[in-house]
N, C-alpha and C. Protein backbone atom coordinates (compact mmCIF):
# COMPACT_ATOMS: atom_id res chain seq x y z
N MET A 1 0.57 -1.15 -0.12
CA MET A 1 0.04 0.09 0.17
C MET A 1 0.98 1.17 -0.03
N LEU A 2 0.32 2.53 -0.74
CA LEU A 2 1.09 3.37 -0.18
C LEU A 2 1.18 3.69 0.51
N SER A 3 2.66 4.88 0.94
CA SER A 3 2.84 4.86 2.44
C SER A 3 1.49 6.16 2.73
N ASN A 4 1.35 7.20 3.87
CA ASN A 4 0.15 7.52 4.74
C ASN A 4 0.33 8.94 3.79
N SER A 5 1.46 9.34 3.56
CA SER A 5 1.66 10.80 3.61
C SER A 5 1.63 10.87 2.49
N ILE A 6 1.47 10.68 1.46
CA ILE A 6 0.92 10.76 -0.55
C ILE A 6 -0.53 10.45 -0.38
N ASP A 7 -1.47 9.57 0.78
CA ASP A 7 -2.65 9.12 0.66
C ASP A 7 -3.87 9.88 -0.05
N LYS A 8 -3.98 10.90 1.05
CA LYS A 8 -4.62 12.14 0.52
C LYS A 8 -4.66 12.99 -0.62
N LYS A 9 -2.80 12.94 -1.28
CA LYS A 9 -3.39 13.37 -2.25
C LYS A 9 -3.25 12.37 -3.17
N ILE A 10 -3.24 11.49 -2.97
CA ILE A 10 -3.84 10.44 -4.05
C ILE A 10 -6.07 10.69 -4.77
N GLU A 11 -5.85 9.54 -2.79
CA GLU A 11 -6.77 10.02 -2.48
C GLU A 11 -8.05 11.17 -3.85
N ILE A 12 -6.80 12.55 -3.86
CA ILE A 12 -7.12 14.04 -4.35
C ILE A 12 -7.27 13.94 -5.78
N ALA A 13 -6.69 13.03 -6.21
CA ALA A 13 -5.91 13.65 -7.19
C ALA A 13 -6.41 12.15 -8.30
N ARG A 14 -7.14 13.16 -9.73
CA ARG A 14 -8.06 12.24 -10.93
C ARG A 14 -6.30 11.48 -12.08
N ASN A 15 -5.95 12.44 -12.09
CA ASN A 15 -5.04 11.98 -12.73
C ASN A 15 -3.06 12.39 -12.47
N ILE A 16 -1.91 11.20 -11.89
CA ILE A 16 -1.15 11.06 -11.44
C ILE A 16 -0.32 10.84 -12.76
N LEU A 17 1.31 11.29 -13.23
CA LEU A 17 2.08 11.14 -13.73
C LEU A 17 3.39 10.27 -12.87
N LEU A 18 3.77 9.48 -13.66
CA LEU A 18 4.66 8.36 -13.21
C LEU A 18 6.22 8.33 -14.04
N VAL A 19 7.06 9.58 -13.53
CA VAL A 19 8.43 9.46 -14.10
C VAL A 19 9.31 9.04 -13.84
N GLY A 20 10.11 8.55 -13.72
CA GLY A 20 11.10 7.04 -14.58
C GLY A 20 12.74 8.35 -14.48
N ILE A 21 13.34 7.97 -14.71
CA ILE A 21 15.36 8.97 -15.17
C ILE A 21 16.01 7.45 -15.49
N GLY A 22 16.16 7.40 -16.24
CA GLY A 22 16.61 6.59 -16.59
C GLY A 22 17.29 4.59 -16.24
N GLY A 23 17.84 4.15 -17.26
CA GLY A 23 18.14 2.95 -16.26
C GLY A 23 17.24 1.95 -16.05
N GLY A 24 16.42 2.04 -16.07
CA GLY A 24 15.08 0.55 -16.10
C GLY A 24 14.54 0.25 -15.17
N PHE A 25 15.02 0.19 -14.38
CA PHE A 25 14.50 -0.54 -12.48
C PHE A 25 13.50 0.54 -11.95
N ASP A 26 13.65 1.99 -12.45
CA ASP A 26 13.11 2.69 -11.76
C ASP A 26 10.95 2.53 -12.67
N PHE A 27 11.04 2.06 -14.18
CA PHE A 27 10.29 1.69 -14.18
C PHE A 27 9.82 0.35 -13.78
N ALA A 28 10.83 -0.36 -13.97
CA ALA A 28 9.38 -0.86 -13.66
C ALA A 28 9.17 -2.01 -12.68
N LEU A 29 10.02 -1.18 -11.43
CA LEU A 29 9.45 -1.04 -9.62
C LEU A 29 8.14 -0.46 -9.74
N ALA A 30 7.81 0.62 -10.47
CA ALA A 30 6.92 1.38 -10.76
C ALA A 30 5.50 -0.31 -10.98
N ILE A 31 5.59 -0.58 -11.84
CA ILE A 31 4.52 -1.34 -11.56
C ILE A 31 3.87 -1.82 -11.14
N PRO A 32 3.96 -2.24 -9.96
CA PRO A 32 2.78 -2.31 -9.49
C PRO A 32 2.53 -1.28 -8.26
N ILE A 33 2.78 -0.03 -9.03
CA ILE A 33 2.68 1.39 -8.01
C ILE A 33 1.91 2.00 -8.77
N TYR A 34 1.78 1.48 -9.97
CA TYR A 34 0.62 2.19 -11.89
C TYR A 34 -0.39 1.18 -11.53
N GLN A 35 -0.28 -0.50 -10.68
CA GLN A 35 -1.56 -1.32 -11.07
C GLN A 35 -2.74 -1.23 -9.56
N ASN A 36 -1.74 -0.24 -8.69
CA ASN A 36 -2.78 -0.42 -7.61
C ASN A 36 -3.02 1.26 -8.00
N LEU A 37 -2.72 2.12 -8.95
CA LEU A 37 -3.39 3.44 -8.82
C LEU A 37 -4.34 3.52 -10.02
N ILE A 38 -4.36 2.06 -10.85
CA ILE A 38 -5.75 2.23 -11.80
C ILE A 38 -6.98 1.24 -10.82
N SER A 39 -6.24 0.45 -9.49
CA SER A 39 -6.98 -0.14 -9.75
C SER A 39 -8.35 0.70 -8.97
N LEU A 40 -7.10 2.26 -8.27
CA LEU A 40 -7.93 2.93 -7.20
C LEU A 40 -8.43 3.46 -8.76
N GLY A 41 -8.61 3.23 -9.57
CA GLY A 41 -9.28 4.71 -10.66
C GLY A 41 -8.92 5.74 -11.37
N LYS A 42 -7.67 5.73 -10.51
CA LYS A 42 -6.24 6.71 -11.29
C LYS A 42 -7.28 6.96 -12.69
N THR A 43 -6.48 7.84 -14.05
CA THR A 43 -5.35 7.53 -14.78
C THR A 43 -4.38 7.89 -14.50
N VAL A 44 -3.72 7.28 -15.06
CA VAL A 44 -1.56 7.32 -15.18
C VAL A 44 -0.96 7.20 -16.44
N TYR A 45 0.30 8.37 -16.18
CA TYR A 45 0.33 8.23 -17.22
C TYR A 45 2.17 8.26 -17.20
N TRP A 46 2.90 7.53 -17.79
CA TRP A 46 4.33 7.81 -16.93
C TRP A 46 4.87 8.13 -18.47
N ALA A 47 6.47 9.00 -17.84
CA ALA A 47 7.03 9.42 -18.20
C ALA A 47 8.96 9.61 -17.68
N ASN A 48 9.39 9.07 -18.96
CA ASN A 48 11.00 9.39 -18.40
C ASN A 48 12.01 9.46 -19.00
N LEU A 49 12.86 9.80 -17.95
CA LEU A 49 14.19 10.49 -18.93
C LEU A 49 15.71 9.71 -19.35
N SER A 50 15.65 9.76 -20.79
CA SER A 50 16.28 8.63 -20.45
C SER A 50 18.08 8.95 -21.84
N PHE A 51 18.55 8.45 -21.56
CA PHE A 51 19.71 8.07 -22.10
C PHE A 51 19.97 7.67 -23.44
N SER A 52 18.79 7.19 -23.76
CA SER A 52 19.28 5.55 -24.64
C SER A 52 18.47 6.87 -25.82
N ARG A 53 19.08 5.96 -27.54
CA ARG A 53 19.43 6.37 -28.70
C ARG A 53 17.89 5.68 -28.84
N LEU A 54 16.35 6.66 -28.28
CA LEU A 54 15.01 5.96 -28.85
C LEU A 54 15.09 6.50 -30.34
N ASP A 55 15.43 7.18 -31.35
CA ASP A 55 15.30 7.21 -32.05
C ASP A 55 15.64 6.02 -32.78
N LEU A 56 16.51 4.87 -32.21
CA LEU A 56 16.53 3.83 -33.05
C LEU A 56 15.76 2.66 -32.67
N LEU A 57 14.14 3.32 -31.48
CA LEU A 57 13.37 2.06 -31.17
C LEU A 57 11.78 1.87 -32.56
N PRO A 58 11.72 0.86 -32.16
CA PRO A 58 10.63 0.48 -33.36
C PRO A 58 9.85 1.18 -33.39
N ASN A 59 8.99 1.90 -32.56
CA ASN A 59 8.01 2.89 -31.74
C ASN A 59 7.95 4.76 -32.09
N TYR A 60 9.02 4.48 -31.84
CA TYR A 60 9.19 5.81 -31.69
C TYR A 60 8.76 7.00 -31.98
N SER A 61 8.07 6.84 -32.66
CA SER A 61 7.14 7.75 -33.51
C SER A 61 5.65 8.31 -32.15
N LYS A 62 5.67 6.91 -31.75
CA LYS A 62 4.91 7.45 -30.54
C LYS A 62 4.77 7.90 -29.16
N PHE A 63 6.54 8.56 -28.82
CA PHE A 63 7.13 8.59 -28.34
C PHE A 63 6.65 10.58 -28.17
N VAL A 64 7.46 11.25 -27.77
CA VAL A 64 7.13 13.08 -27.32
C VAL A 64 8.36 13.03 -27.36
N HIS A 65 9.65 13.45 -28.12
CA HIS A 65 10.65 14.31 -27.50
C HIS A 65 10.13 15.63 -26.67
N VAL A 66 11.03 16.23 -25.33
CA VAL A 66 10.99 17.71 -25.17
C VAL A 66 12.32 17.45 -24.12
N THR A 67 12.79 18.74 -24.26
CA THR A 67 14.82 18.99 -24.09
C THR A 67 14.18 20.45 -23.74
N ALA A 68 15.01 20.70 -23.22
CA ALA A 68 14.46 22.86 -22.45
C ALA A 68 14.78 23.56 -23.30
N GLU A 69 14.52 22.71 -25.38
CA GLU A 69 14.39 24.11 -25.04
C GLU A 69 12.63 23.95 -26.06
N THR A 70 12.40 23.11 -25.56
CA THR A 70 10.94 22.68 -26.06
C THR A 70 9.84 23.94 -25.27
N GLU A 71 8.91 24.67 -25.72
CA GLU A 71 8.32 26.15 -25.53
C GLU A 71 7.31 25.31 -26.23
N ASP A 72 6.22 24.06 -26.91
CA ASP A 72 5.47 24.24 -27.05
C ASP A 72 4.84 22.35 -27.94
N ILE A 73 3.90 21.78 -26.95
CA ILE A 73 3.90 19.98 -27.47
C ILE A 73 2.36 19.97 -28.35
N PRO A 74 2.64 19.51 -29.53
CA PRO A 74 1.16 19.50 -30.03
C PRO A 74 0.15 18.80 -29.25
N GLU A 75 -1.11 19.80 -29.11
CA GLU A 75 -2.16 19.40 -28.49
C GLU A 75 -2.18 17.73 -28.55
N SER A 76 -2.81 17.85 -30.50
CA SER A 76 -3.01 15.70 -30.49
C SER A 76 -1.66 14.71 -29.95
N ARG A 77 -0.08 15.37 -29.12
CA ARG A 77 0.31 14.43 -28.49
C ARG A 77 -0.08 14.07 -26.59
N ILE A 78 -0.64 15.09 -26.65
CA ILE A 78 -1.26 15.12 -24.72
C ILE A 78 -2.15 14.40 -24.55
N PRO A 79 -2.10 13.15 -23.83
CA PRO A 79 -3.42 12.50 -23.52
C PRO A 79 -4.46 13.55 -22.53
N SER A 80 -5.85 13.12 -22.80
CA SER A 80 -6.81 12.94 -22.64
C SER A 80 -7.31 13.33 -21.53
């Protein structure tokens, strides 16, 4: 179960962003948290900072590349 310190915030939230910062283990370890949040009826989004060449992945077109210079993300790429 989630820590009591964030239970209230989780309770009132509808949308939750899970963020990883490379390495893969953060993503893997977040899967039980994701499943718990989904079971609570939350909409969960994933984000990840990667140092890998994502452009080499077959599904690269589904990613949104964001940098410090990014000013606008097309609305069609933002989940509603």
